[in-house]
Amino acid sequence: MDYLKRAREVLDIELAGIEKVKNDMGEGFVLAVDAILETIKNGDGKVVITGVGKNWHIGNKMAATLTSTGTPAVSMHPIEAMHGDFGIVSDRDIVLAMSYSGASDELIAVLQPVKRKGVKIIALTGEMNSPLAEYADIIVSVKVEKEACPFNMAPTTSTTATLALGDALAMVLLEARGFKIEDYAKLHPGGAIGRTLLLHVSDVMRTGNRYATVKAGLPVREALIAMTGAKAGCVAIVNDDNTLAGIMTDGDLRRHLIETPNLIEHSVDEVMTVNPKTLTPDMLAVEILNIYEEFNIDDLIVVDENNRVIGAVDIQDMPKLKIL
């Protein structure tokens, strides 16, 4: 057996399944988005996601993604719901029920009290004429041509497509609600995500004697002394009014040493980079990482609204702050 060939065949089948679900998306998806937005607009409604088997696990992931991006959602197992957990559902909620066949007995059983409660039901199913579809107020198709299983039995393509559709739903809701990165930060206060989104440049920048500055026109020797004293990889070149004129880094020095004899006696103006990328103290820490990645630079100067130098950020500080 050619393992790689078979693995690629499986992925191709699943990609084709996602493509079919994408092409079949229509009014049902739009109605589902509008219904969820209506449910959560007053802040007291939520999405209750239910399903059995593989769909139970997918529902847990969907609920987590929705909640972490500002759409309150919970998972409810149909069997547990029939033994007390139905209290999860309030009359202000909306239920998202998942079954590819649309004929799961456990799921259909719990939809009966949902219906009696007057709660709307969104169905994610591959069978538009199934019992689930009959109970649903809104139907979104997750129909695929075939499973990746050689017996066309094990849920593979269908579950992948359902999971992808859940991501699409979460991202559309995120943008429809005007959810911003600041909102995302509030929901992720712990770990690296929380630190990069909650911390500002003012929280992580070097200040006082921990960053180096030198006046424009002075020799490179003075810049080296300032960098050594601050244990910094760069020095901000400033004008008489402390506005930023340029930046000189360790890399600049190495490049010029090869080409310029007696470099330390030359003016810093000859070595510095003019108009470097800068930060402001109110920027988020995540923006520091974006600049590092986009421009492949290790040192950034922090300036105030008048372009006066007030600090610096060194990429070497990021791991210690648990941002990288």
C-alpha atoms as a PDB file:
ATOM      1  CA  MET A   1       0.000   0.000   0.000  1.00  0.00           C
ATOM      2  CA  ASP A   2       1.233   3.477  -0.867  1.00  0.00           C
ATOM      3  CA  TYR A   3       0.542   5.343   2.365  1.00  0.00           C
ATOM      4  CA  LEU A   4       1.172   8.828   0.988  1.00  0.00           C
ATOM      5  CA  LYS A   5      -0.978   8.227  -2.073  1.00  0.00           C
ATOM      6  CA  ARG A   6      -3.889   7.038   0.051  1.00  0.00           C
ATOM      7  CA  ALA A   7      -3.500   9.921   2.520  1.00  0.00           C
ATOM      8  CA  ARG A   8      -3.580  12.429  -0.332  1.00  0.00           C
ATOM      9  CA  GLU A   9      -6.689  10.755  -1.734  1.00  0.00           C
ATOM     10  CA  VAL A  10      -8.409  11.170   1.644  1.00  0.00           C
ATOM     11  CA  LEU A  11      -7.498  14.857   1.775  1.00  0.00           C
ATOM     12  CA  ASP A  12      -8.699  15.370  -1.792  1.00  0.00           C
ATOM     13  CA  ILE A  13     -12.052  13.786  -0.927  1.00  0.00           C
ATOM     14  CA  GLU A  14     -12.409  15.990   2.133  1.00  0.00           C
ATOM     15  CA  LEU A  15     -11.408  19.104   0.188  1.00  0.00           C
ATOM     16  CA  ALA A  16     -14.067  18.244  -2.389  1.00  0.00           C
ATOM     17  CA  GLY A  17     -16.588  17.908   0.450  1.00  0.00           C
ATOM     18  CA  ILE A  18     -15.786  21.368   1.791  1.00  0.00           C
ATOM     19  CA  GLU A  19     -15.993  22.761  -1.737  1.00  0.00           C
ATOM     20  CA  LYS A  20     -19.472  21.248  -2.184  1.00  0.00           C
ATOM     21  CA  VAL A  21     -20.717  22.665   1.117  1.00  0.00           C
ATOM     22  CA  LYS A  22     -19.298  26.053   0.141  1.00  0.00           C
ATOM     23  CA  ASN A  23     -21.068  25.997  -3.224  1.00  0.00           C
ATOM     24  CA  ASP A  24     -24.357  24.820  -1.689  1.00  0.00           C
ATOM     25  CA  MET A  25     -24.455  27.612   0.909  1.00  0.00           C
ATOM     26  CA  GLY A  26     -27.419  29.854   0.351  1.00  0.00           C
ATOM     27  CA  GLU A  27     -30.367  31.454   2.076  1.00  0.00           C
ATOM     28  CA  GLY A  28     -30.286  28.990   4.956  1.00  0.00           C
ATOM     29  CA  PHE A  29     -26.857  30.180   6.052  1.00  0.00           C
ATOM     30  CA  VAL A  30     -27.917  33.837   5.825  1.00  0.00           C
ATOM     31  CA  LEU A  31     -31.056  33.137   7.863  1.00  0.00           C
ATOM     32  CA  ALA A  32     -28.954  31.296  10.463  1.00  0.00           C
ATOM     33  CA  VAL A  33     -26.621  34.278  10.861  1.00  0.00           C
ATOM     34  CA  ASP A  34     -29.523  36.715  11.199  1.00  0.00           C
ATOM     35  CA  ALA A  35     -31.295  34.476  13.719  1.00  0.00           C
ATOM     36  CA  ILE A  36     -28.198  34.157  15.901  1.00  0.00           C
ATOM     37  CA  LEU A  37     -27.559  37.903  15.765  1.00  0.00           C
ATOM     38  CA  GLU A  38     -31.156  38.508  16.842  1.00  0.00           C
ATOM     39  CA  THR A  39     -30.752  35.985  19.682  1.00  0.00           C
ATOM     40  CA  ILE A  40     -27.655  37.588  21.197  1.00  0.00           C
ATOM     41  CA  LYS A  41     -28.340  41.265  20.476  1.00  0.00           C
ATOM     42  CA  ASN A  42     -29.658  42.028  23.973  1.00  0.00           C
ATOM     43  CA  GLY A  43     -26.884  40.120  25.704  1.00  0.00           C
ATOM     44  CA  ASP A  44     -29.107  37.506  27.352  1.00  0.00           C
ATOM     45  CA  GLY A  45     -29.419  34.897  24.607  1.00  0.00           C
ATOM     46  CA  LYS A  46     -26.974  32.209  23.522  1.00  0.00           C
ATOM     47  CA  VAL A  47     -26.433  29.476  20.963  1.00  0.00           C
ATOM     48  CA  VAL A  48     -27.027  25.969  22.349  1.00  0.00           C
ATOM     49  CA  ILE A  49     -25.244  23.407  20.168  1.00  0.00           C
ATOM     50  CA  THR A  50     -26.309  19.778  20.278  1.00  0.00           C
ATOM     51  CA  GLY A  51     -25.442  16.553  18.491  1.00  0.00           C
ATOM     52  CA  VAL A  52     -24.354  12.986  19.184  1.00  0.00           C
ATOM     53  CA  GLY A  53     -21.373  10.893  18.177  1.00  0.00           C
ATOM     54  CA  LYS A  54     -18.759  12.795  16.202  1.00  0.00           C
ATOM     55  CA  ASN A  55     -21.064  15.796  16.013  1.00  0.00           C
ATOM     56  CA  TRP A  56     -20.933  16.079  19.812  1.00  0.00           C
ATOM     57  CA  HIS A  57     -17.203  16.673  19.616  1.00  0.00           C
ATOM     58  CA  ILE A  58     -17.562  19.073  16.694  1.00  0.00           C
ATOM     59  CA  GLY A  59     -20.246  20.916  18.638  1.00  0.00           C
ATOM     60  CA  ASN A  60     -17.862  21.415  21.547  1.00  0.00           C
ATOM     61  CA  LYS A  61     -15.287  22.944  19.214  1.00  0.00           C
ATOM     62  CA  MET A  62     -17.879  25.150  17.536  1.00  0.00           C
ATOM     63  CA  ALA A  63     -19.184  26.384  20.892  1.00  0.00           C
ATOM     64  CA  ALA A  64     -15.642  27.205  22.012  1.00  0.00           C
ATOM     65  CA  THR A  65     -14.866  29.107  18.801  1.00  0.00           C
ATOM     66  CA  LEU A  66     -18.129  31.053  18.919  1.00  0.00           C
ATOM     67  CA  THR A  67     -17.694  31.979  22.583  1.00  0.00           C
ATOM     68  CA  SER A  68     -14.079  33.036  22.168  1.00  0.00           C
ATOM     69  CA  THR A  69     -15.048  35.363  19.323  1.00  0.00           C
ATOM     70  CA  GLY A  70     -17.916  37.066  21.108  1.00  0.00           C
ATOM     71  CA  THR A  71     -20.953  34.880  20.333  1.00  0.00           C
ATOM     72  CA  PRO A  72     -22.068  33.174  23.570  1.00  0.00           C
ATOM     73  CA  ALA A  73     -22.487  29.438  22.983  1.00  0.00           C
ATOM     74  CA  VAL A  74     -22.658  26.214  24.984  1.00  0.00           C
ATOM     75  CA  SER A  75     -22.768  22.498  24.184  1.00  0.00           C
ATOM     76  CA  MET A  76     -25.656  20.309  25.324  1.00  0.00           C
ATOM     77  CA  HIS A  77     -25.520  16.547  24.996  1.00  0.00           C
ATOM     78  CA  PRO A  78     -28.978  15.244  23.947  1.00  0.00           C
ATOM     79  CA  ILE A  79     -28.946  12.293  26.343  1.00  0.00           C
ATOM     80  CA  GLU A  80     -27.839  14.358  29.331  1.00  0.00           C
ATOM     81  CA  ALA A  81     -30.409  17.003  28.363  1.00  0.00           C
ATOM     82  CA  MET A  82     -33.199  14.438  28.804  1.00  0.00           C
ATOM     83  CA  HIS A  83     -31.988  13.825  32.363  1.00  0.00           C
ATOM     84  CA  GLY A  84     -31.757  17.362  33.678  1.00  0.00           C
ATOM     85  CA  ASP A  85     -29.349  19.298  31.458  1.00  0.00           C
ATOM     86  CA  PHE A  86     -32.245  20.680  29.428  1.00  0.00           C
ATOM     87  CA  GLY A  87     -32.174  23.500  31.957  1.00  0.00           C
ATOM     88  CA  ILE A  88     -29.325  24.906  29.847  1.00  0.00           C
ATOM     89  CA  VAL A  89     -31.904  26.092  27.308  1.00  0.00           C
ATOM     90  CA  SER A  90     -33.786  29.313  28.023  1.00  0.00           C
ATOM     91  CA  ASP A  91     -36.600  30.738  25.925  1.00  0.00           C
ATOM     92  CA  ARG A  92     -34.196  33.492  24.794  1.00  0.00           C
ATOM     93  CA  ASP A  93     -31.757  31.020  23.208  1.00  0.00           C
ATOM     94  CA  ILE A  94     -31.432  29.405  19.801  1.00  0.00           C
ATOM     95  CA  VAL A  95     -30.549  25.745  19.285  1.00  0.00           C
ATOM     96  CA  LEU A  96     -28.111  24.583  16.607  1.00  0.00           C
ATOM     97  CA  ALA A  97     -28.691  20.858  16.065  1.00  0.00           C
ATOM     98  CA  MET A  98     -26.303  18.686  14.034  1.00  0.00           C
ATOM     99  CA  SER A  99     -26.925  15.303  12.464  1.00  0.00           C
ATOM    100  CA  TYR A 100     -25.741  14.312   9.008  1.00  0.00           C
ATOM    101  CA  SER A 101     -28.521  11.757   8.554  1.00  0.00           C
ATOM    102  CA  GLY A 102     -30.999  13.951  10.386  1.00  0.00           C
ATOM    103  CA  ALA A 103     -32.436  10.812  11.952  1.00  0.00           C
ATOM    104  CA  SER A 104     -30.568  10.440  15.246  1.00  0.00           C
ATOM    105  CA  ASP A 105     -33.139   9.194  17.784  1.00  0.00           C
ATOM    106  CA  GLU A 106     -31.364  10.842  20.726  1.00  0.00           C
ATOM    107  CA  LEU A 107     -31.257  14.187  18.952  1.00  0.00           C
ATOM    108  CA  ILE A 108     -34.866  14.077  17.728  1.00  0.00           C
ATOM    109  CA  ALA A 109     -36.014  13.236  21.263  1.00  0.00           C
ATOM    110  CA  VAL A 110     -34.487  16.390  22.733  1.00  0.00           C
ATOM    111  CA  LEU A 111     -35.811  18.593  19.922  1.00  0.00           C
ATOM    112  CA  GLN A 112     -39.388  17.881  20.967  1.00  0.00           C
ATOM    113  CA  PRO A 113     -39.118  19.820  24.278  1.00  0.00           C
ATOM    114  CA  VAL A 114     -37.067  22.483  22.477  1.00  0.00           C
ATOM    115  CA  LYS A 115     -39.971  22.960  20.083  1.00  0.00           C
ATOM    116  CA  ARG A 116     -42.513  23.049  22.927  1.00  0.00           C
ATOM    117  CA  LYS A 117     -40.434  25.752  24.591  1.00  0.00           C
ATOM    118  CA  GLY A 118     -40.785  27.902  21.477  1.00  0.00           C
ATOM    119  CA  VAL A 119     -37.027  28.054  20.836  1.00  0.00           C
ATOM    120  CA  LYS A 120     -35.861  28.325  17.227  1.00  0.00           C
ATOM    121  CA  ILE A 121     -33.857  25.426  15.793  1.00  0.00           C
ATOM    122  CA  ILE A 122     -31.111  25.679  13.182  1.00  0.00           C
ATOM    123  CA  ALA A 123     -30.318  22.302  11.596  1.00  0.00           C
ATOM    124  CA  LEU A 124     -26.954  21.366  10.096  1.00  0.00           C
ATOM    125  CA  THR A 125     -27.719  18.209   8.134  1.00  0.00           C
ATOM    126  CA  GLY A 126     -26.985  16.339   4.944  1.00  0.00           C
ATOM    127  CA  GLU A 127     -30.594  15.215   4.492  1.00  0.00           C
ATOM    128  CA  MET A 128     -33.061  17.991   3.704  1.00  0.00           C
ATOM    129  CA  ASN A 129     -36.098  15.699   4.099  1.00  0.00           C
ATOM    130  CA  SER A 130     -35.096  14.148   7.416  1.00  0.00           C
ATOM    131  CA  PRO A 131     -36.896  14.304  10.801  1.00  0.00           C
ATOM    132  CA  LEU A 132     -34.327  16.906  11.931  1.00  0.00           C
ATOM    133  CA  ALA A 133     -35.129  19.082   8.930  1.00  0.00           C
ATOM    134  CA  GLU A 134     -38.848  18.829   9.744  1.00  0.00           C
ATOM    135  CA  TYR A 135     -38.245  20.109  13.286  1.00  0.00           C
ATOM    136  CA  ALA A 136     -35.954  22.927  12.140  1.00  0.00           C
ATOM    137  CA  ASP A 137     -36.916  26.517  11.517  1.00  0.00           C
ATOM    138  CA  ILE A 138     -33.746  27.042   9.462  1.00  0.00           C
ATOM    139  CA  ILE A 139     -31.811  24.386   7.516  1.00  0.00           C
ATOM    140  CA  VAL A 140     -28.158  24.627   6.445  1.00  0.00           C
ATOM    141  CA  SER A 141     -26.923  21.836   4.176  1.00  0.00           C
ATOM    142  CA  VAL A 142     -23.698  19.991   4.945  1.00  0.00           C
ATOM    143  CA  LYS A 143     -24.292  17.436   2.176  1.00  0.00           C
ATOM    144  CA  VAL A 144     -21.126  15.864   0.727  1.00  0.00           C
ATOM    145  CA  GLU A 145     -20.680  13.443  -2.155  1.00  0.00           C
ATOM    146  CA  LYS A 146     -18.972  10.725  -0.133  1.00  0.00           C
ATOM    147  CA  GLU A 147     -17.036   9.971   3.003  1.00  0.00           C
ATOM    148  CA  ALA A 148     -13.279   9.416   2.826  1.00  0.00           C
ATOM    149  CA  CYS A 149     -13.864   6.016   4.466  1.00  0.00           C
ATOM    150  CA  PRO A 150     -13.470   3.230   1.860  1.00  0.00           C
ATOM    151  CA  PHE A 151     -16.814   1.801   3.030  1.00  0.00           C
ATOM    152  CA  ASN A 152     -18.452   5.255   2.881  1.00  0.00           C
ATOM    153  CA  MET A 153     -19.429   4.702   6.510  1.00  0.00           C
ATOM    154  CA  ALA A 154     -17.106   6.391   9.025  1.00  0.00           C
ATOM    155  CA  PRO A 155     -17.913  10.126   9.376  1.00  0.00           C
ATOM    156  CA  THR A 156     -14.915  11.830   7.787  1.00  0.00           C
ATOM    157  CA  THR A 157     -15.706  14.163   4.915  1.00  0.00           C
ATOM    158  CA  SER A 158     -19.045  15.095   6.446  1.00  0.00           C
ATOM    159  CA  THR A 159     -17.580  15.948   9.849  1.00  0.00           C
ATOM    160  CA  THR A 160     -14.726  17.936   8.299  1.00  0.00           C
ATOM    161  CA  ALA A 161     -17.190  19.926   6.201  1.00  0.00           C
ATOM    162  CA  THR A 162     -19.428  20.529   9.225  1.00  0.00           C
ATOM    163  CA  LEU A 163     -16.472  21.750  11.263  1.00  0.00           C
ATOM    164  CA  ALA A 164     -15.405  24.100   8.466  1.00  0.00           C
ATOM    165  CA  LEU A 165     -18.941  25.437   8.169  1.00  0.00           C
ATOM    166  CA  GLY A 166     -18.914  26.125  11.905  1.00  0.00           C
ATOM    167  CA  ASP A 167     -15.755  28.183  11.494  1.00  0.00           C
ATOM    168  CA  ALA A 168     -17.356  30.099   8.633  1.00  0.00           C
ATOM    169  CA  LEU A 169     -20.391  30.818  10.803  1.00  0.00           C
ATOM    170  CA  ALA A 170     -18.234  32.042  13.698  1.00  0.00           C
ATOM    171  CA  MET A 171     -16.155  34.346  11.509  1.00  0.00           C
ATOM    172  CA  VAL A 172     -19.180  35.821   9.732  1.00  0.00           C
ATOM    173  CA  LEU A 173     -20.816  36.508  13.100  1.00  0.00           C
ATOM    174  CA  LEU A 174     -17.595  38.059  14.388  1.00  0.00           C
ATOM    175  CA  GLU A 175     -17.467  40.564  11.546  1.00  0.00           C
ATOM    176  CA  ALA A 176     -21.218  41.170  11.469  1.00  0.00           C
ATOM    177  CA  ARG A 177     -21.083  42.189  15.147  1.00  0.00           C
ATOM    178  CA  GLY A 178     -18.142  44.549  14.586  1.00  0.00           C
ATOM    179  CA  PHE A 179     -16.024  42.451  16.959  1.00  0.00           C
ATOM    180  CA  LYS A 180     -12.594  44.100  17.343  1.00  0.00           C
ATOM    181  CA  ILE A 181      -9.197  42.912  18.467  1.00  0.00           C
ATOM    182  CA  GLU A 182      -9.718  44.758  21.756  1.00  0.00           C
ATOM    183  CA  ASP A 183     -12.853  42.665  22.341  1.00  0.00           C
ATOM    184  CA  TYR A 184     -10.891  39.515  21.545  1.00  0.00           C
ATOM    185  CA  ALA A 185      -8.286  40.534  24.114  1.00  0.00           C
ATOM    186  CA  LYS A 186     -10.904  40.817  26.856  1.00  0.00           C
ATOM    187  CA  LEU A 187     -11.967  37.218  26.243  1.00  0.00           C
ATOM    188  CA  HIS A 188      -8.372  35.899  26.330  1.00  0.00           C
ATOM    189  CA  PRO A 189      -6.862  37.404  29.498  1.00  0.00           C
ATOM    190  CA  GLY A 190      -4.492  34.506  30.128  1.00  0.00           C
ATOM    191  CA  GLY A 191      -1.549  33.021  28.266  1.00  0.00           C
ATOM    192  CA  ALA A 192       0.413  34.412  25.356  1.00  0.00           C
ATOM    193  CA  ILE A 193      -2.686  35.580  23.470  1.00  0.00           C
ATOM    194  CA  GLY A 194      -3.874  37.626  26.438  1.00  0.00           C
ATOM    195  CA  ARG A 195      -0.464  39.159  27.022  1.00  0.00           C
ATOM    196  CA  THR A 196       0.019  40.242  23.414  1.00  0.00           C
ATOM    197  CA  LEU A 197      -3.495  41.669  23.192  1.00  0.00           C
ATOM    198  CA  LEU A 198      -3.806  43.281  26.616  1.00  0.00           C
ATOM    199  CA  LEU A 199      -0.294  44.636  27.074  1.00  0.00           C
ATOM    200  CA  HIS A 200       0.639  47.927  25.439  1.00  0.00           C
ATOM    201  CA  VAL A 201       4.024  49.168  24.274  1.00  0.00           C
ATOM    202  CA  SER A 202       4.167  51.338  27.402  1.00  0.00           C
ATOM    203  CA  ASP A 203       4.051  48.132  29.494  1.00  0.00           C
ATOM    204  CA  VAL A 204       7.007  46.446  27.798  1.00  0.00           C
ATOM    205  CA  MET A 205       9.300  49.197  26.524  1.00  0.00           C
ATOM    206  CA  ARG A 206      12.727  49.978  27.965  1.00  0.00           C
ATOM    207  CA  THR A 207      12.929  53.330  29.722  1.00  0.00           C
ATOM    208  CA  GLY A 208      15.468  55.353  31.720  1.00  0.00           C
ATOM    209  CA  ASN A 209      18.988  53.997  31.458  1.00  0.00           C
ATOM    210  CA  ARG A 210      17.789  50.754  29.822  1.00  0.00           C
ATOM    211  CA  TYR A 211      17.766  52.260  26.326  1.00  0.00           C
ATOM    212  CA  ALA A 212      20.464  54.218  24.527  1.00  0.00           C
ATOM    213  CA  THR A 213      20.385  57.661  22.899  1.00  0.00           C
ATOM    214  CA  VAL A 214      23.081  59.882  21.423  1.00  0.00           C
ATOM    215  CA  LYS A 215      22.973  63.297  19.778  1.00  0.00           C
ATOM    216  CA  ALA A 216      23.169  63.555  16.006  1.00  0.00           C
ATOM    217  CA  GLY A 217      26.616  64.511  14.731  1.00  0.00           C
ATOM    218  CA  LEU A 218      28.554  62.734  17.483  1.00  0.00           C
ATOM    219  CA  PRO A 219      31.087  60.021  16.591  1.00  0.00           C
ATOM    220  CA  VAL A 220      30.142  56.371  16.433  1.00  0.00           C
ATOM    221  CA  ARG A 221      32.373  55.814  19.479  1.00  0.00           C
ATOM    222  CA  GLU A 222      29.852  57.694  21.651  1.00  0.00           C
ATOM    223  CA  ALA A 223      27.027  55.601  20.280  1.00  0.00           C
ATOM    224  CA  LEU A 224      28.896  52.400  21.124  1.00  0.00           C
ATOM    225  CA  ILE A 225      29.473  53.599  24.677  1.00  0.00           C
ATOM    226  CA  ALA A 226      25.762  54.414  25.060  1.00  0.00           C
ATOM    227  CA  MET A 227      24.691  51.020  23.690  1.00  0.00           C
ATOM    228  CA  THR A 228      27.120  49.196  25.966  1.00  0.00           C
ATOM    229  CA  GLY A 229      25.934  51.109  29.011  1.00  0.00           C
ATOM    230  CA  ALA A 230      22.310  50.322  28.302  1.00  0.00           C
ATOM    231  CA  LYS A 231      23.055  46.721  27.248  1.00  0.00           C
ATOM    232  CA  ALA A 232      21.041  47.501  24.129  1.00  0.00           C
ATOM    233  CA  GLY A 233      21.249  46.356  20.528  1.00  0.00           C
ATOM    234  CA  CYS A 234      20.479  49.785  19.154  1.00  0.00           C
ATOM    235  CA  VAL A 235      20.820  53.485  19.849  1.00  0.00           C
ATOM    236  CA  ALA A 236      18.360  56.247  19.009  1.00  0.00           C
ATOM    237  CA  ILE A 237      19.993  59.208  17.259  1.00  0.00           C
ATOM    238  CA  VAL A 238      18.247  62.356  18.473  1.00  0.00           C
ATOM    239  CA  ASN A 239      18.182  66.040  17.572  1.00  0.00           C
ATOM    240  CA  ASP A 240      18.718  68.796  20.145  1.00  0.00           C
ATOM    241  CA  ASP A 241      14.995  68.767  21.011  1.00  0.00           C
ATOM    242  CA  ASN A 242      15.106  64.957  21.560  1.00  0.00           C
ATOM    243  CA  THR A 243      13.128  64.245  18.392  1.00  0.00           C
ATOM    244  CA  LEU A 244      14.175  61.126  16.521  1.00  0.00           C
ATOM    245  CA  ALA A 245      16.694  61.598  13.724  1.00  0.00           C
ATOM    246  CA  GLY A 246      17.488  57.930  13.112  1.00  0.00           C
ATOM    247  CA  ILE A 247      18.532  54.600  14.586  1.00  0.00           C
ATOM    248  CA  MET A 248      21.845  52.736  14.611  1.00  0.00           C
ATOM    249  CA  THR A 249      21.898  49.008  15.360  1.00  0.00           C
ATOM    250  CA  ASP A 250      24.493  46.293  15.901  1.00  0.00           C
ATOM    251  CA  GLY A 251      23.764  45.162  12.362  1.00  0.00           C
ATOM    252  CA  ASP A 252      24.497  48.627  10.962  1.00  0.00           C
ATOM    253  CA  LEU A 253      27.860  48.612  12.727  1.00  0.00           C
ATOM    254  CA  ARG A 254      28.840  45.193  11.399  1.00  0.00           C
ATOM    255  CA  ARG A 255      27.966  46.143   7.835  1.00  0.00           C
ATOM    256  CA  HIS A 256      29.884  49.430   7.931  1.00  0.00           C
ATOM    257  CA  LEU A 257      32.949  48.016   9.715  1.00  0.00           C
ATOM    258  CA  ILE A 258      33.855  46.025   6.623  1.00  0.00           C
ATOM    259  CA  GLU A 259      33.622  49.012   4.298  1.00  0.00           C
ATOM    260  CA  THR A 260      34.639  51.986   6.477  1.00  0.00           C
ATOM    261  CA  PRO A 261      38.137  52.267   7.998  1.00  0.00           C
ATOM    262  CA  ASN A 262      38.287  53.863  11.447  1.00  0.00           C
ATOM    263  CA  LEU A 263      34.492  53.726  11.665  1.00  0.00           C
ATOM    264  CA  ILE A 264      34.271  54.750  15.325  1.00  0.00           C
ATOM    265  CA  GLU A 265      35.567  58.222  14.462  1.00  0.00           C
ATOM    266  CA  HIS A 266      32.909  58.811  11.818  1.00  0.00           C
ATOM    267  CA  SER A 267      29.659  60.613  12.598  1.00  0.00           C
ATOM    268  CA  VAL A 268      26.643  58.519  13.585  1.00  0.00           C
ATOM    269  CA  ASP A 269      24.804  60.396  10.836  1.00  0.00           C
ATOM    270  CA  GLU A 270      26.763  58.354   8.271  1.00  0.00           C
ATOM    271  CA  VAL A 271      25.726  55.033   9.802  1.00  0.00           C
ATOM    272  CA  MET A 272      22.191  55.567  11.087  1.00  0.00           C
ATOM    273  CA  THR A 273      18.976  54.586   9.350  1.00  0.00           C
ATOM    274  CA  VAL A 274      16.824  57.658   8.766  1.00  0.00           C
ATOM    275  CA  ASN A 275      13.027  57.501   9.287  1.00  0.00           C
ATOM    276  CA  PRO A 276      13.029  54.082  10.978  1.00  0.00           C
ATOM    277  CA  LYS A 277       9.888  52.185  11.942  1.00  0.00           C
ATOM    278  CA  THR A 278       8.716  53.418  15.352  1.00  0.00           C
ATOM    279  CA  LEU A 279       6.199  52.578  18.045  1.00  0.00           C
ATOM    280  CA  THR A 280       3.921  54.717  20.170  1.00  0.00           C
ATOM    281  CA  PRO A 281       3.230  53.860  23.827  1.00  0.00           C
ATOM    282  CA  ASP A 282      -0.471  53.209  23.268  1.00  0.00           C
ATOM    283  CA  MET A 283       0.065  50.509  20.625  1.00  0.00           C
ATOM    284  CA  LEU A 284      -0.722  46.901  21.557  1.00  0.00           C
ATOM    285  CA  ALA A 285       2.091  44.414  22.104  1.00  0.00           C
ATOM    286  CA  VAL A 286       0.709  42.271  19.268  1.00  0.00           C
ATOM    287  CA  GLU A 287       1.501  45.144  16.887  1.00  0.00           C
ATOM    288  CA  ILE A 288       5.168  44.907  17.916  1.00  0.00           C
ATOM    289  CA  LEU A 289       5.213  41.282  16.784  1.00  0.00           C
ATOM    290  CA  ASN A 290       3.519  42.190  13.504  1.00  0.00           C
ATOM    291  CA  ILE A 291       6.201  44.799  12.750  1.00  0.00           C
ATOM    292  CA  TYR A 292       9.001  42.410  13.687  1.00  0.00           C
ATOM    293  CA  GLU A 293       7.611  39.776  11.342  1.00  0.00           C
ATOM    294  CA  GLU A 294       6.754  42.094   8.449  1.00  0.00           C
ATOM    295  CA  PHE A 295       9.991  44.070   8.358  1.00  0.00           C
ATOM    296  CA  ASN A 296      12.424  41.547   9.903  1.00  0.00           C
ATOM    297  CA  ILE A 297      13.847  44.035  12.403  1.00  0.00           C
ATOM    298  CA  ASP A 298      14.864  43.425  16.013  1.00  0.00           C
ATOM    299  CA  ASP A 299      14.896  46.894  17.577  1.00  0.00           C
ATOM    300  CA  LEU A 300      12.218  49.574  17.626  1.00  0.00           C
ATOM    301  CA  ILE A 301      12.247  53.095  19.057  1.00  0.00           C
ATOM    302  CA  VAL A 302       9.231  54.405  20.976  1.00  0.00           C
ATOM    303  CA  VAL A 303       8.249  58.038  20.353  1.00  0.00           C
ATOM    304  CA  ASP A 304       5.532  60.343  21.682  1.00  0.00           C
ATOM    305  CA  GLU A 305       3.044  62.347  19.624  1.00  0.00           C
ATOM    306  CA  ASN A 306       5.758  64.927  18.878  1.00  0.00           C
ATOM    307  CA  ASN A 307       8.272  62.303  17.659  1.00  0.00           C
ATOM    308  CA  ARG A 308      10.354  62.685  20.815  1.00  0.00           C
ATOM    309  CA  VAL A 309      12.163  59.514  21.904  1.00  0.00           C
ATOM    310  CA  ILE A 310      10.791  58.046  25.147  1.00  0.00           C
ATOM    311  CA  GLY A 311      11.986  54.437  25.050  1.00  0.00           C
ATOM    312  CA  ALA A 312      12.820  51.362  22.998  1.00  0.00           C
ATOM    313  CA  VAL A 313      11.667  47.765  22.538  1.00  0.00           C
ATOM    314  CA  ASP A 314      14.151  44.946  21.947  1.00  0.00           C
ATOM    315  CA  ILE A 315      12.929  41.637  20.524  1.00  0.00           C
ATOM    316  CA  GLN A 316      15.141  39.861  23.066  1.00  0.00           C
ATOM    317  CA  ASP A 317      12.810  41.111  25.800  1.00  0.00           C
ATOM    318  CA  MET A 318       9.753  39.412  24.293  1.00  0.00           C
ATOM    319  CA  PRO A 319      10.457  35.827  25.508  1.00  0.00           C
ATOM    320  CA  LYS A 320      11.094  37.075  29.047  1.00  0.00           C
ATOM    321  CA  LEU A 321       7.701  38.794  28.990  1.00  0.00           C
ATOM    322  CA  LYS A 322       6.207  35.522  27.622  1.00  0.00           C
ATOM    323  CA  ILE A 323       4.953  37.348  24.541  1.00  0.00           C
ATOM    324  CA  LEU A 324       6.899  35.204  22.064  1.00  0.00           C
END
